[in-house]
Amino acid sequence: MLNTKGSTKNKIGTSYNYDESEKSCHSGLSGIGCFCNVSAKKDSGQAGMTVLRYHRTFYKSIKYIIFLSLIIVPILILASCGKKGDPTLKEFAKPAAPSALKAIHREEKIVLLWNYPAEKETAVADFILLKSSGAEFEKLVLLEKSKRTFEDTVFETDKTYSYKIIARNLKGVYSGDSNVVVVRPLAVPPPPSGLSFSVRGNSLLLVWKPDEKGLLYNIFRSSEKGKYGISPVNSSPVSDSSFTDAFNINKTVYYTVRSLRSAEIRDEGPPSEELAVDPAEFVPSPLKNITYFAAPDRVFLYWDGPEESWVTGFRIYRKTEGQDYKLIGETQIPVFVDKEPSLTGNDYLINAVGPHKEGPGTEIRGVKYIAPPE
């Protein structure tokens, strides 16, 4: 007899419980081994095992993802360090405008100069110089941001031109306009002639001959032969035909002078001949009024001070009978004492000394001690 409530085993020995309510479900199916609820419970157990395996796989995947993130994310961060960020509003801001634009007409060119702050130059791509001859402004030239000057050679005298300059930043944004300069170049005057100098104390006096009346002059100085800047030594154009500059006895300098017609844009002509002021070539003048006093055991020599302020001292030479002149001493004042007696008559030669050269000597002969009468 079949138990209405008990257990049975499948073919592999696994027990499944069932109760009376399951009986109807299996009528007519004996010998087949098909038990619906038993099978359902079996399937439920298999599903649980599947879920468990899924959870284990899921947790392993999570651990793997975390492991990869610890390696890959830092690599991506490092790789993105050099990447440029998104544009900022500052990059699109209008750059500062160039300032202090001015023009100088020199010979066959109009020289334009302007200012721009060095600390703001990094945001600038270039400068654009514009020119007008009476109509609208047109682009004359595109210039590098490091430039602060330009020479325009395309113009006519007695014709009016206007110039202005703007800056453009790296995003193509333009600055406001600089000041506008208006020029009307005139025919330039000829250079002065006869440029020369003289030293007066600690000053250097330059003089020249004008070629025309009513001209103004600019004086240019350089420590290198043939190389002169755009700015003169004088703070404003000189109306006289002379100029006084500081004198440096330890340095060679060069000068040229340019004539000009107006102070506003200068209308400068070509330079004069170059004048070199080289202290190494200075030669003192001969000394004057040498006198002496001969004592029994020595000779006192005196003379007038030199005309040149750059004389550094004096050298005294003595010649005795049958010998040539020999240097016996130096002094920085116009007095010298020869401690050798002059009983038979000596000759003296005294030279002024410049920075590098001696001047021509002044001679005094027959210096002799004469005993007073008894």
Protein backbone atom coordinates (compact mmCIF):
# COMPACT_ATOMS: atom_id res chain seq x y z
CA MET A 1 0.00 0.00 0.00
CA LEU A 2 1.20 3.49 -0.86
CA ASN A 3 1.81 5.84 2.03
CA THR A 4 -0.35 8.96 1.76
CA LYS A 5 2.22 10.97 3.54
CA GLY A 6 5.83 9.92 3.54
CA SER A 7 8.80 10.07 1.33
CA THR A 8 10.11 8.59 -1.82
CA LYS A 9 13.46 8.51 -3.52
CA ASN A 10 14.38 9.26 -7.07
CA LYS A 11 16.70 7.16 -9.04
CA ILE A 12 19.80 8.74 -7.67
CA GLY A 13 18.71 8.41 -4.08
CA THR A 14 17.54 11.93 -3.36
CA SER A 15 14.49 11.98 -1.02
CA TYR A 16 11.53 14.25 -1.67
CA ASN A 17 8.63 14.69 0.76
CA TYR A 18 5.09 14.84 -0.37
CA ASP A 19 1.66 14.78 1.30
CA GLU A 20 -1.84 13.67 0.48
CA SER A 21 -2.61 16.75 -1.53
CA GLU A 22 -0.03 15.65 -4.02
CA LYS A 23 -1.67 12.32 -4.66
CA SER A 24 -4.11 13.45 -7.31
CA CYS A 25 -1.43 15.01 -9.25
CA HIS A 26 0.34 11.65 -9.74
CA SER A 27 -2.62 9.34 -10.45
CA GLY A 28 -2.02 7.24 -13.47
CA LEU A 29 1.62 8.21 -13.59
CA SER A 30 3.14 5.47 -11.49
CA GLY A 31 6.30 4.03 -12.84
CA ILE A 32 7.12 7.12 -14.75
CA GLY A 33 8.89 8.94 -11.84
CA CYS A 34 7.20 12.31 -12.52
CA PHE A 35 6.19 14.17 -9.38
CA CYS A 36 5.23 17.81 -10.09
CA ASN A 37 5.74 19.35 -6.66
CA VAL A 38 8.76 17.25 -6.01
CA SER A 39 10.16 18.38 -9.33
CA ALA A 40 9.29 21.97 -8.48
CA LYS A 41 11.14 21.74 -5.22
CA LYS A 42 14.09 20.26 -7.04
CA ASP A 43 14.05 23.09 -9.52
CA SER A 44 13.87 25.55 -6.66
CA GLY A 45 16.99 24.09 -5.12
CA GLN A 46 18.82 24.25 -8.41
CA ALA A 47 17.77 27.86 -8.82
CA GLY A 48 19.17 28.66 -5.39
CA MET A 49 22.44 27.12 -6.36
CA THR A 50 22.44 29.16 -9.56
CA VAL A 51 21.78 32.39 -7.64
CA LEU A 52 24.59 31.54 -5.25
CA ARG A 53 26.96 30.95 -8.15
CA TYR A 54 25.80 34.23 -9.71
CA HIS A 55 26.47 36.15 -6.51
CA ARG A 56 29.93 34.67 -6.28
CA THR A 57 30.67 35.61 -9.91
CA PHE A 58 29.23 39.09 -9.35
CA TYR A 59 31.43 39.74 -6.31
CA LYS A 60 34.49 38.54 -8.21
CA SER A 61 33.63 40.94 -11.05
CA ILE A 62 33.27 43.82 -8.58
CA LYS A 63 36.68 43.07 -7.11
CA TYR A 64 38.19 42.94 -10.60
CA ILE A 65 36.61 46.27 -11.56
CA ILE A 66 37.92 47.90 -8.37
CA PHE A 67 41.38 46.51 -9.06
CA LEU A 68 41.36 47.88 -12.60
CA SER A 69 40.10 51.26 -11.42
CA LEU A 70 43.04 51.55 -9.03
CA ILE A 71 45.42 51.14 -11.98
CA ILE A 72 43.65 52.76 -14.92
CA VAL A 73 42.22 55.90 -13.25
CA PRO A 74 45.61 57.27 -12.12
CA ILE A 75 46.98 56.61 -15.62
CA LEU A 76 44.11 58.56 -17.17
CA ILE A 77 44.64 61.41 -14.69
CA LEU A 78 48.35 61.59 -15.53
CA ALA A 79 47.61 61.45 -19.25
CA SER A 80 45.22 64.37 -18.98
CA CYS A 81 47.60 66.65 -17.06
CA GLY A 82 48.93 68.33 -20.21
CA LYS A 83 45.55 68.77 -21.80
CA LYS A 84 44.42 72.36 -22.23
CA GLY A 85 41.32 73.42 -20.42
CA ASP A 86 38.33 75.05 -21.95
CA PRO A 87 38.75 78.67 -23.11
CA THR A 88 38.20 81.31 -20.43
CA LEU A 89 36.61 84.71 -20.74
CA LYS A 90 40.00 86.27 -20.00
CA GLU A 91 41.36 84.94 -23.30
CA PHE A 92 38.63 86.85 -25.15
CA ALA A 93 39.16 90.11 -23.26
CA LYS A 94 40.19 93.15 -25.29
CA PRO A 95 43.99 93.67 -25.05
CA ALA A 96 45.50 96.94 -23.90
CA ALA A 97 46.05 99.48 -26.65
CA PRO A 98 49.58 100.66 -27.62
CA SER A 99 50.40 104.16 -26.40
CA ALA A 100 52.67 107.15 -26.98
CA LEU A 101 52.85 106.69 -30.75
CA LYS A 102 55.15 109.32 -32.27
CA ALA A 103 56.76 110.00 -35.65
CA ILE A 104 60.17 111.31 -36.66
CA HIS A 105 61.03 112.35 -40.19
CA ARG A 106 64.68 111.52 -40.76
CA GLU A 107 66.19 111.76 -44.23
CA GLU A 108 64.20 109.39 -46.51
CA LYS A 109 62.06 107.68 -43.88
CA ILE A 110 59.38 108.34 -41.30
CA VAL A 111 60.30 106.51 -38.10
CA LEU A 112 57.31 105.47 -35.95
CA LEU A 113 57.77 104.54 -32.29
CA TRP A 114 55.29 103.41 -29.62
CA ASN A 115 55.08 101.95 -26.11
CA TYR A 116 53.54 98.70 -24.88
CA PRO A 117 53.85 97.16 -21.38
CA ALA A 118 56.17 94.14 -21.36
CA GLU A 119 54.02 92.35 -18.77
CA LYS A 120 51.01 92.46 -21.13
CA GLU A 121 52.92 91.29 -24.19
CA THR A 122 52.27 87.57 -23.52
CA ALA A 123 48.57 87.98 -24.35
CA VAL A 124 49.32 89.73 -27.66
CA ALA A 125 49.73 87.97 -31.00
CA ASP A 126 50.89 90.99 -33.05
CA PHE A 127 50.53 94.71 -33.76
CA ILE A 128 48.77 96.24 -36.76
CA LEU A 129 50.02 99.64 -37.97
CA LEU A 130 47.48 101.68 -39.94
CA LYS A 131 48.04 104.66 -42.22
CA SER A 132 45.84 107.26 -43.82
CA SER A 133 46.63 109.86 -46.47
CA GLY A 134 43.31 111.65 -46.09
CA ALA A 135 40.75 108.86 -46.56
CA GLU A 136 40.09 105.84 -44.35
CA PHE A 137 42.84 104.16 -42.38
CA GLU A 138 44.31 101.10 -44.07
CA LYS A 139 46.59 98.41 -42.78
CA LEU A 140 50.20 99.37 -43.48
CA VAL A 141 52.01 96.43 -41.93
CA LEU A 142 51.63 93.53 -39.49
CA LEU A 143 54.36 93.56 -36.83
CA GLU A 144 55.69 91.10 -34.28
CA LYS A 145 54.65 91.75 -30.69
CA SER A 146 58.28 92.41 -29.70
CA LYS A 147 58.56 95.37 -32.11
CA ARG A 148 58.34 98.95 -30.90
CA THR A 149 59.41 100.79 -34.06
CA PHE A 150 58.79 100.81 -37.81
CA GLU A 151 60.24 102.84 -40.71
CA ASP A 152 57.86 103.97 -43.44
CA THR A 153 59.67 104.84 -46.68
CA VAL A 154 56.62 105.33 -48.90
CA PHE A 155 55.66 109.00 -48.61
CA GLU A 156 56.00 112.38 -50.31
CA THR A 157 57.17 115.65 -48.80
CA ASP A 158 54.60 118.40 -48.23
CA LYS A 159 51.82 115.80 -47.98
CA THR A 160 49.90 114.96 -44.80
CA TYR A 161 49.75 111.44 -43.34
CA SER A 162 48.11 109.99 -40.24
CA TYR A 163 49.18 106.89 -38.33
CA LYS A 164 47.75 104.78 -35.52
CA ILE A 165 48.45 101.30 -34.18
CA ILE A 166 46.39 98.53 -32.51
CA ALA A 167 47.17 95.23 -30.79
CA ARG A 168 45.54 91.86 -31.52
CA ASN A 169 45.43 89.04 -28.99
CA LEU A 170 45.77 85.27 -29.54
CA LYS A 171 41.99 84.88 -30.05
CA GLY A 172 41.88 87.56 -32.71
CA VAL A 173 40.36 90.24 -30.46
CA TYR A 174 41.51 93.77 -31.32
CA SER A 175 42.50 96.49 -28.85
CA GLY A 176 41.36 100.05 -29.01
CA ASP A 177 43.28 102.55 -31.12
CA SER A 178 46.46 104.23 -29.99
CA ASN A 179 46.78 107.97 -30.27
CA VAL A 180 46.81 109.25 -33.84
CA VAL A 181 49.92 111.09 -35.09
CA VAL A 182 49.65 113.46 -38.04
CA VAL A 183 52.81 114.32 -40.00
CA ARG A 184 53.57 116.56 -42.93
CA PRO A 185 57.19 115.87 -43.83
CA LEU A 186 59.23 118.73 -45.26
CA ALA A 187 62.43 118.72 -47.29
CA VAL A 188 65.26 117.98 -44.86
CA PRO A 189 68.13 120.48 -44.35
CA PRO A 190 71.82 119.82 -45.10
CA PRO A 191 74.14 118.73 -42.28
CA PRO A 192 76.32 121.17 -40.32
CA SER A 193 80.06 121.24 -40.99
CA GLY A 194 83.30 121.81 -39.07
CA LEU A 195 82.36 119.85 -35.95
CA SER A 196 85.11 120.17 -33.30
CA PHE A 197 85.53 120.07 -29.53
CA SER A 198 87.48 121.52 -26.63
CA VAL A 199 87.65 120.50 -23.00
CA ARG A 200 86.60 123.08 -20.44
CA GLY A 201 87.14 121.79 -16.92
CA ASN A 202 84.91 118.73 -16.57
CA SER A 203 82.88 119.63 -19.67
CA LEU A 204 83.24 119.04 -23.38
CA LEU A 205 82.30 121.90 -25.68
CA LEU A 206 81.14 120.95 -29.20
CA VAL A 207 80.96 123.62 -31.91
CA TRP A 208 79.95 123.50 -35.60
CA LYS A 209 79.13 125.72 -38.57
CA PRO A 210 75.47 125.96 -39.66
CA ASP A 211 74.64 125.61 -43.34
CA GLU A 212 71.45 127.70 -43.17
CA LYS A 213 69.97 130.28 -40.84
CA GLY A 214 67.09 129.43 -38.53
CA LEU A 215 67.86 125.72 -38.23
CA LEU A 216 67.66 123.61 -35.09
CA TYR A 217 70.09 120.84 -34.14
CA ASN A 218 70.17 117.45 -32.45
CA ILE A 219 73.39 116.02 -31.02
CA PHE A 220 73.99 112.27 -30.96
CA ARG A 221 76.59 110.48 -28.87
CA SER A 222 77.77 106.86 -29.00
CA SER A 223 80.41 104.65 -27.42
CA GLU A 224 80.70 102.73 -30.71
CA LYS A 225 81.95 104.27 -33.92
CA GLY A 226 79.20 104.75 -36.50
CA LYS A 227 76.35 103.44 -34.29
CA TYR A 228 73.79 105.97 -33.08
CA GLY A 229 70.30 105.64 -31.66
CA ILE A 230 67.17 107.58 -32.50
CA SER A 231 67.26 109.74 -29.35
CA PRO A 232 69.65 112.72 -29.13
CA VAL A 233 71.71 113.75 -26.11
CA ASN A 234 69.93 117.09 -25.88
CA SER A 235 66.48 117.06 -24.26
CA SER A 236 65.12 119.55 -26.81
CA PRO A 237 66.40 120.83 -30.17
CA VAL A 238 69.32 123.26 -29.90
CA SER A 239 69.10 126.61 -31.65
CA ASP A 240 72.77 127.58 -31.12
CA SER A 241 75.73 126.17 -33.04
CA SER A 242 77.36 124.75 -29.90
CA PHE A 243 76.59 122.25 -27.18
CA THR A 244 78.20 121.40 -23.83
CA ASP A 245 78.34 117.76 -22.72
CA ALA A 246 79.87 115.99 -19.72
CA PHE A 247 83.47 114.91 -20.22
CA ASN A 248 84.81 111.49 -19.20
CA ILE A 249 88.58 111.23 -19.37
CA ASN A 250 88.50 107.42 -19.17
CA LYS A 251 86.21 106.78 -22.12
CA THR A 252 86.23 107.29 -25.90
CA VAL A 253 82.98 108.69 -27.32
CA TYR A 254 81.76 109.68 -30.79
CA TYR A 255 79.48 112.53 -31.87
CA THR A 256 77.43 113.57 -34.88
CA VAL A 257 75.05 116.51 -35.28
CA ARG A 258 71.90 116.67 -37.44
CA SER A 259 70.10 119.79 -38.63
CA LEU A 260 66.28 119.92 -38.45
CA ARG A 261 63.52 122.30 -39.43
CA SER A 262 60.87 121.68 -36.79
CA ALA A 263 60.76 120.33 -33.27
CA GLU A 264 57.45 118.48 -33.68
CA ILE A 265 58.37 115.65 -36.07
CA ARG A 266 62.00 116.76 -36.35
CA ASP A 267 62.46 116.71 -40.18
CA GLU A 268 66.10 115.70 -39.59
CA GLY A 269 68.70 115.82 -42.31
CA PRO A 270 71.77 113.60 -42.70
CA PRO A 271 74.42 113.53 -39.97
CA SER A 272 77.53 115.65 -39.88
CA GLU A 273 80.96 114.10 -40.08
CA GLU A 274 81.69 111.93 -37.08
CA LEU A 275 83.85 113.42 -34.33
CA ALA A 276 85.88 111.11 -32.09
CA VAL A 277 86.78 112.25 -28.58
CA ASP A 278 89.54 109.88 -27.51
CA PRO A 279 91.41 110.86 -24.34
CA ALA A 280 94.23 108.54 -25.36
CA GLU A 281 95.05 111.01 -28.13
CA PHE A 282 95.03 114.10 -25.94
CA VAL A 283 98.39 115.94 -25.95
CA PRO A 284 98.95 118.69 -23.36
CA SER A 285 100.14 122.12 -24.38
CA PRO A 286 103.71 123.32 -23.54
CA LEU A 287 104.12 124.73 -20.06
CA LYS A 288 104.72 128.44 -19.54
CA ASN A 289 106.81 130.66 -17.29
CA ILE A 290 109.27 128.19 -15.80
CA THR A 291 111.48 129.75 -13.12
CA TYR A 292 113.96 128.39 -10.59
CA PHE A 293 115.86 129.06 -7.43
CA ALA A 294 119.25 127.36 -7.01
CA ALA A 295 120.38 126.66 -3.47
CA PRO A 296 123.82 125.23 -2.53
CA ASP A 297 122.42 121.70 -2.19
CA ARG A 298 119.28 121.70 -4.35
CA VAL A 299 117.25 123.45 -7.06
CA PHE A 300 113.63 124.63 -6.81
CA LEU A 301 111.63 124.70 -10.08
CA TYR A 302 108.28 126.50 -10.61
CA TRP A 303 105.89 126.97 -13.57
CA ASP A 304 102.34 128.04 -14.42
CA GLY A 305 99.51 125.56 -14.12
CA PRO A 306 98.43 123.86 -17.39
CA GLU A 307 95.56 125.10 -19.52
CA GLU A 308 94.01 121.63 -19.78
CA SER A 309 92.02 120.23 -16.88
CA TRP A 310 92.75 116.66 -17.94
CA VAL A 311 96.54 116.94 -17.32
CA THR A 312 97.42 114.24 -14.80
CA GLY A 313 100.90 115.41 -13.78
CA PHE A 314 104.38 116.58 -14.82
CA ARG A 315 107.69 114.90 -15.65
CA ILE A 316 111.04 116.58 -15.01
CA TYR A 317 114.17 115.75 -17.00
CA ARG A 318 117.73 116.99 -16.26
CA LYS A 319 120.78 117.25 -18.47
CA THR A 320 124.22 117.73 -17.10
CA GLU A 321 127.31 118.64 -19.10
CA GLY A 322 128.20 115.98 -21.64
CA GLN A 323 125.01 113.90 -21.06
CA ASP A 324 121.50 113.60 -22.48
CA TYR A 325 118.29 114.40 -20.63
CA LYS A 326 117.34 111.86 -17.96
CA LEU A 327 114.07 111.60 -16.04
CA ILE A 328 114.70 112.64 -12.45
CA GLY A 329 111.14 112.78 -11.06
CA GLU A 330 107.39 113.36 -11.41
CA THR A 331 104.95 115.61 -9.61
CA GLN A 332 101.24 116.44 -9.73
CA ILE A 333 101.70 120.07 -8.77
CA PRO A 334 103.61 122.81 -10.67
CA VAL A 335 106.58 122.71 -8.26
CA PHE A 336 109.56 120.37 -8.11
CA VAL A 337 112.69 120.18 -5.92
CA ASP A 338 115.85 118.69 -7.38
CA LYS A 339 117.93 117.54 -4.41
CA GLU A 340 121.11 117.47 -6.46
CA PRO A 341 123.12 120.73 -6.43
CA SER A 342 123.71 122.52 -9.68
CA LEU A 343 127.18 123.96 -9.30
CA THR A 344 128.34 123.75 -12.88
CA GLY A 345 125.04 124.54 -14.61
CA ASN A 346 122.22 122.12 -15.50
CA ASP A 347 119.48 122.19 -18.10
CA TYR A 348 115.91 121.12 -17.28
CA LEU A 349 113.01 119.96 -19.47
CA ILE A 350 109.51 119.85 -17.96
CA ASN A 351 106.59 118.10 -19.70
CA ALA A 352 102.88 118.07 -18.86
CA VAL A 353 101.37 114.54 -18.95
CA GLY A 354 97.94 113.68 -20.34
CA PRO A 355 95.90 110.46 -19.92
CA HIS A 356 98.31 108.60 -22.22
CA LYS A 357 100.70 111.07 -23.81
CA GLU A 358 103.21 113.75 -22.78
CA GLY A 359 103.07 117.20 -24.20
CA PRO A 360 106.04 118.98 -25.79
CA GLY A 361 108.57 119.89 -23.10
CA THR A 362 109.46 123.37 -22.00
CA GLU A 363 113.21 123.86 -21.45
CA ILE A 364 115.15 126.03 -19.05
CA ARG A 365 118.96 126.21 -19.48
CA GLY A 366 121.96 127.15 -17.40
CA VAL A 367 120.51 126.60 -13.97
CA LYS A 368 123.43 127.16 -11.63
CA TYR A 369 123.98 127.95 -8.02
CA ILE A 370 125.76 131.26 -7.56
CA ALA A 371 127.17 131.95 -4.16
CA PRO A 372 126.33 135.36 -2.77
CA PRO A 373 129.21 137.86 -2.56
CA GLU A 374 131.09 137.93 0.71
